[in-house]
Every structure is written in structure tokens, then in C-alpha cells.
Protein backbone atom coordinates (compact mmCIF):
# COMPACT_ATOMS: atom_id res chain seq x y z
CA MET A 1 66.31 -7.77 123.35
CA MET A 2 67.71 -6.91 120.23
CA SER A 3 69.47 -9.72 120.44
CA SER A 4 65.95 -11.93 120.23
CA LEU A 5 64.54 -9.40 117.72
CA ALA A 6 67.62 -10.63 115.64
CA ASN A 7 67.42 -14.12 115.94
CA ALA A 8 63.61 -13.90 115.19
CA VAL A 9 64.53 -12.10 111.42
CA LEU A 10 67.06 -14.19 110.76
CA PHE A 11 64.96 -17.54 111.71
CA LEU A 12 62.21 -15.64 110.01
CA ALA A 13 64.60 -15.49 106.82
CA LEU A 14 65.78 -18.96 107.18
CA VAL A 15 62.09 -20.23 107.27
CA THR A 16 61.33 -18.21 104.23
CA THR A 17 64.61 -19.04 102.46
CA SER A 18 63.58 -23.11 103.55
CA VAL A 19 60.18 -22.69 102.23
CA MET A 20 61.39 -21.18 98.84
CA VAL A 21 63.92 -24.16 98.38
CA ALA A 22 61.70 -26.57 98.99
CA VAL A 23 59.43 -25.14 96.40
CA MET A 24 61.82 -24.75 94.10
CA TYR A 25 62.55 -28.61 94.53
CA ARG A 26 59.29 -29.64 93.67
CA LYS A 27 59.40 -27.11 90.54
CA LEU A 28 62.93 -28.56 89.20
CA ARG A 29 61.24 -32.51 90.17
CA LYS A 30 58.56 -31.85 88.36
CA LEU A 31 60.75 -30.06 85.58
CA ASP A 32 62.79 -33.23 85.26
CA ARG A 33 59.74 -35.58 84.89
CA TYR A 34 58.28 -33.35 82.36
CA HIS A 35 61.74 -33.62 80.38
CA ALA A 36 61.92 -37.40 80.80
CA GLU A 37 58.42 -37.45 79.01
CA TYR A 38 59.52 -35.12 76.34
CA GLN A 39 62.59 -37.52 76.12
CA GLN A 40 60.42 -40.22 74.98
CA ILE A 41 58.34 -37.84 72.83
CA PHE A 42 61.35 -37.30 71.02
CA ASP A 43 62.47 -40.46 70.67
CA LYS A 44 59.30 -42.01 69.18
CA THR A 45 59.22 -39.40 67.13
CA GLY A 46 62.30 -39.66 65.63
CA SER A 47 61.67 -43.56 65.31
CA ALA A 48 58.17 -42.87 63.72
CA LEU A 49 59.98 -39.94 61.28
CA VAL A 50 62.94 -42.73 60.16
CA LYS A 51 60.30 -45.58 59.58
CA ALA A 52 58.33 -42.87 57.48
CA GLN A 53 61.42 -42.64 55.41
CA LYS A 54 61.96 -46.44 55.17
CA ALA A 55 58.39 -46.23 54.14
CA VAL A 56 58.92 -43.46 51.43
CA THR A 57 61.91 -45.00 50.22
CA ASN A 58 60.34 -48.64 49.61
CA PHE A 59 57.29 -46.61 47.94
CA SER A 60 59.57 -45.05 45.54
CA THR A 61 61.73 -48.02 44.61
CA GLU A 62 58.33 -49.87 44.23
CA GLY A 63 56.77 -47.39 42.10
CA ARG A 64 59.87 -47.28 40.26
CA GLU A 65 59.84 -50.85 39.46
CA THR A 66 56.03 -50.58 38.99
CA LEU A 67 56.54 -47.93 35.97
CA VAL A 68 59.40 -50.13 34.42
CA ARG A 69 57.00 -53.14 34.22
CA LEU A 70 54.42 -51.28 32.95
CA SER A 71 56.37 -49.53 30.32
CA GLN A 72 57.64 -52.74 29.02
CA ARG A 73 53.80 -54.09 28.95
CA ILE A 74 53.01 -51.06 27.15
CA GLU A 75 55.62 -51.29 24.39
CA GLU A 76 54.48 -55.46 24.27
CA ALA A 77 50.87 -54.13 23.68
CA GLN A 78 52.20 -51.40 20.95
CA ALA A 79 54.19 -54.26 19.38
CA MET A 80 51.28 -56.45 19.42
CA ALA A 81 49.32 -53.60 18.13
CA THR A 82 51.25 -53.10 14.88
CA ARG A 83 51.57 -56.93 14.64
CA LEU A 84 47.35 -56.93 14.88
CA GLU A 85 47.35 -53.83 12.15
CA HIS A 86 49.99 -55.79 10.03
CA LEU A 87 47.45 -58.92 9.97
CA THR A 88 44.38 -57.15 9.53
CA GLN A 89 45.76 -55.43 6.49
CA GLU A 90 46.85 -58.47 4.59
CA ALA A 91 43.98 -60.15 5.52
CA ARG A 92 42.21 -57.52 4.01
CA GLN A 93 44.62 -57.48 0.81
CA GLN A 94 43.85 -61.17 0.47
CA ILE A 95 40.06 -61.03 0.60
CA GLN A 96 40.29 -58.46 -2.21
CA SER A 97 42.69 -60.50 -4.63
CA ARG A 98 40.47 -63.25 -3.91
CA SER A 99 37.46 -61.35 -4.74
CA GLY A 100 38.92 -59.61 -7.72
CA THR A 101 39.97 -62.95 -9.26
CA SER A 102 36.70 -64.98 -8.44
CA GLN A 103 34.96 -62.17 -10.17
CA SER A 104 36.91 -62.25 -13.55
């Protein structure tokens, strides 16, 4: 009788352990799937960050080029404005000199 009671306790322990191992196995499989999903997400995130870095670099380069071209255009416009101002002053002086000679 004592032997069958011990066997029953041992059998119950074996069944309990087997159930716990099966539950743990399922949790580990689920965790492994989550790990695979997280790995894919991290890979996609890394790829997106690389693309964003390239976009920022390109934007910076293009912005710099635009600023250089804009600076050149501003300098050209200033030179043209100075030239136009000079020509306007010369035209006024010629008009005044013609007015002065025709009045005499």
C-alpha cells in the first residue's frame, strides 16, 4: 500500500512536471515568435533610419547648393542695381546739362 501511495505521488509529480514543461514550451515558442517579429521591426527601423539619414544629407547638400546659387544671384542683382543707379545718374546729368545749354 505504501508503495502504491508513493507511486501515485510520484506519478502526480510527473504529470504536473510534464504539464508545466508543456506550458513552458508553448511560452518559449510564443516568445520566439515575438523575438522574430521584433527582429523584423528593428531591421525595418534601422533601414528607415538609414534612408532618413541619406535624405537629410541630400537635403543639406541641395540646400547648400541652393544657398550658393542664391548668393551668386544676389551678387549679380546688386551689381546690376549699382550699374542701373550709375546709368540713371548719368542720364540725369546729361538731361541737366542739355537743359542748361539750351536755356543759355
